[in-house]
């Protein structure tokens, strides 16, 4: 009788650990997907990586923990760096290095006609060469 209780208790603990492993890998996948989408950095690949590896490692929850402990810092090191801004068109988040919003695909930067570098839509002068910039609507700036 006592051996059955111990066996059932061990099986229940193992089941709880497996459930926590699955939940942790799915949560990591969702968080990485959301961050990769803002950075326009292959969100589907990165978002599916953690849950798929977690499902493939279900027999050994320690492998799931290793995947999360190694995988998340690897993603954080490899992802594009930059300031996160709000799109003026859709209010979605994007990284300031992008010329187009990853959500609505509209322009979030404009090109300087003199040096061909990118500047924010509301800039009156190019921050790189100082040339007057066209207004976003297409009129020349008078600043």
Protein backbone atom coordinates (compact mmCIF):
# COMPACT_ATOMS: atom_id res chain seq x y z
CA UNK A 1 0.00 0.00 0.00
CA UNK A 2 2.72 2.49 0.95
CA UNK A 3 4.67 1.65 -2.24
CA UNK A 4 1.61 2.61 -4.33
CA UNK A 5 1.39 5.97 -2.55
CA UNK A 6 5.08 6.65 -3.16
CA UNK A 7 4.78 5.59 -6.81
CA UNK A 8 1.67 7.72 -7.33
CA UNK A 9 3.35 10.69 -5.58
CA UNK A 10 6.45 10.38 -7.77
CA UNK A 11 4.30 10.13 -10.89
CA UNK A 12 2.33 13.21 -9.84
CA UNK A 13 5.52 15.19 -9.21
CA UNK A 14 6.91 14.09 -12.58
CA UNK A 15 3.66 15.15 -14.28
CA UNK A 16 3.77 18.56 -12.58
CA UNK A 17 7.39 19.07 -13.68
CA UNK A 18 6.47 18.14 -17.26
CA UNK A 19 3.53 20.57 -17.23
CA UNK A 20 5.73 23.36 -15.87
CA UNK A 21 8.33 22.62 -18.58
CA UNK A 22 5.72 22.88 -21.32
CA UNK A 23 4.27 26.09 -19.88
CA UNK A 24 7.75 27.64 -19.48
CA UNK A 25 8.74 26.84 -23.07
CA UNK A 26 5.43 28.22 -24.44
CA UNK A 27 5.72 31.42 -22.37
CA UNK A 28 9.33 31.86 -23.52
CA UNK A 29 8.21 31.36 -27.12
CA UNK A 30 5.48 33.99 -26.79
CA UNK A 31 7.78 36.55 -25.18
CA UNK A 32 10.56 35.99 -27.72
CA UNK A 33 8.03 36.15 -30.59
CA UNK A 34 6.70 39.51 -29.39
CA UNK A 35 10.20 40.96 -29.01
CA UNK A 36 11.36 39.59 -32.38
CA UNK A 37 8.29 41.06 -34.10
CA UNK A 38 9.04 44.54 -32.75
CA UNK A 39 12.61 44.17 -34.00
CA UNK A 40 11.52 42.60 -37.35
CA UNK A 41 13.86 39.69 -36.59
CA UNK A 42 12.21 36.48 -37.90
CA UNK A 43 9.49 36.35 -35.23
CA UNK A 44 7.99 33.04 -36.37
CA UNK A 45 11.33 31.24 -36.31
CA UNK A 46 12.33 32.55 -32.89
CA UNK A 47 8.80 32.25 -31.50
CA UNK A 48 8.44 28.60 -32.51
CA UNK A 49 11.97 27.59 -31.52
CA UNK A 50 11.42 27.40 -27.76
CA UNK A 51 8.05 25.58 -27.73
CA UNK A 52 9.22 23.07 -30.37
CA UNK A 53 12.46 22.33 -28.54
CA UNK A 54 10.48 22.08 -25.31
CA UNK A 55 8.10 19.55 -26.85
CA UNK A 56 10.98 17.54 -28.28
CA UNK A 57 12.58 17.40 -24.82
CA UNK A 58 9.49 16.38 -22.86
CA UNK A 59 11.01 13.17 -21.60
CA UNK A 60 13.70 15.13 -19.78
CA UNK A 61 12.63 18.41 -18.13
CA UNK A 62 16.27 19.23 -17.39
CA UNK A 63 16.83 19.55 -21.16
CA UNK A 64 13.99 22.08 -21.30
CA UNK A 65 15.63 24.09 -18.53
CA UNK A 66 18.99 23.98 -20.35
CA UNK A 67 17.34 25.07 -23.61
CA UNK A 68 15.72 28.03 -21.84
CA UNK A 69 18.85 28.97 -19.87
CA UNK A 70 21.04 28.88 -22.99
CA UNK A 71 18.49 29.87 -25.65
CA UNK A 72 17.07 33.05 -24.15
CA UNK A 73 20.49 34.68 -23.51
CA UNK A 74 21.56 33.60 -27.02
CA UNK A 75 18.51 35.34 -28.47
CA UNK A 76 19.19 38.45 -26.39
CA UNK A 77 22.77 38.58 -27.70
CA UNK A 78 21.81 37.97 -31.36
CA UNK A 79 18.76 40.21 -31.67
CA UNK A 80 19.10 43.66 -33.26
CA UNK A 81 19.80 46.37 -30.72
CA UNK A 82 18.17 49.79 -30.65
CA UNK A 83 15.56 52.02 -29.07
CA UNK A 84 11.92 50.89 -29.24
CA UNK A 85 9.57 53.59 -30.60
CA UNK A 86 5.85 53.85 -31.38
CA UNK A 87 4.78 53.98 -35.03
CA UNK A 88 3.13 57.33 -35.91
CA UNK A 89 0.62 55.47 -38.13
CA UNK A 90 -0.53 52.44 -36.12
CA UNK A 91 1.06 53.01 -32.67
CA UNK A 92 2.75 49.60 -32.94
CA UNK A 93 6.23 49.24 -31.51
CA UNK A 94 9.27 49.15 -33.78
CA UNK A 95 13.05 49.39 -33.38
CA UNK A 96 14.45 52.77 -34.39
CA UNK A 97 16.83 51.25 -36.95
CA UNK A 98 13.94 50.23 -39.24
CA UNK A 99 12.69 52.41 -42.11
CA UNK A 100 9.24 50.75 -42.18
CA UNK A 101 6.94 49.67 -39.36
CA UNK A 102 6.87 45.84 -39.06
CA UNK A 103 3.14 46.00 -38.18
CA UNK A 104 1.51 48.34 -40.71
CA UNK A 105 4.43 48.34 -43.21
CA UNK A 106 4.26 52.15 -43.52
CA UNK A 107 7.26 54.46 -43.63
CA UNK A 108 8.65 55.56 -40.25
CA UNK A 109 11.80 57.23 -41.60
CA UNK A 110 12.48 59.51 -44.53
CA UNK A 111 15.57 59.79 -46.70
CA UNK A 112 17.74 62.88 -46.90
CA UNK A 113 17.98 63.96 -50.54
CA UNK A 114 21.55 65.20 -50.05
CA UNK A 115 23.35 62.45 -48.08
CA UNK A 116 20.74 59.66 -48.49
CA UNK A 117 20.80 58.83 -44.80
CA UNK A 118 17.58 58.11 -42.89
CA UNK A 119 15.96 60.50 -40.40
CA UNK A 120 12.75 60.51 -38.37
CA UNK A 121 9.60 61.69 -40.14
CA UNK A 122 9.32 64.86 -38.03
CA UNK A 123 12.91 66.08 -38.60
CA UNK A 124 13.14 69.50 -40.28
CA UNK A 125 16.88 69.12 -40.99
CA UNK A 126 18.99 66.05 -41.64
CA UNK A 127 20.76 65.13 -38.38
CA UNK A 128 23.76 63.90 -40.39
CA UNK A 129 24.47 66.64 -42.97
CA UNK A 130 22.16 69.48 -41.88
CA UNK A 131 20.31 69.74 -45.21
CA UNK A 132 16.63 70.76 -45.10
CA UNK A 133 14.32 67.76 -45.15
CA UNK A 134 11.06 67.39 -47.00
CA UNK A 135 8.00 67.45 -44.79
CA UNK A 136 6.30 64.09 -44.39
CA UNK A 137 3.39 65.18 -46.58
CA UNK A 138 5.85 65.95 -49.38
CA UNK A 139 6.23 69.74 -48.93
CA UNK A 140 9.65 71.22 -48.34
CA UNK A 141 10.42 72.34 -44.80
CA UNK A 142 10.78 76.09 -44.18
CA UNK A 143 12.63 75.82 -40.86
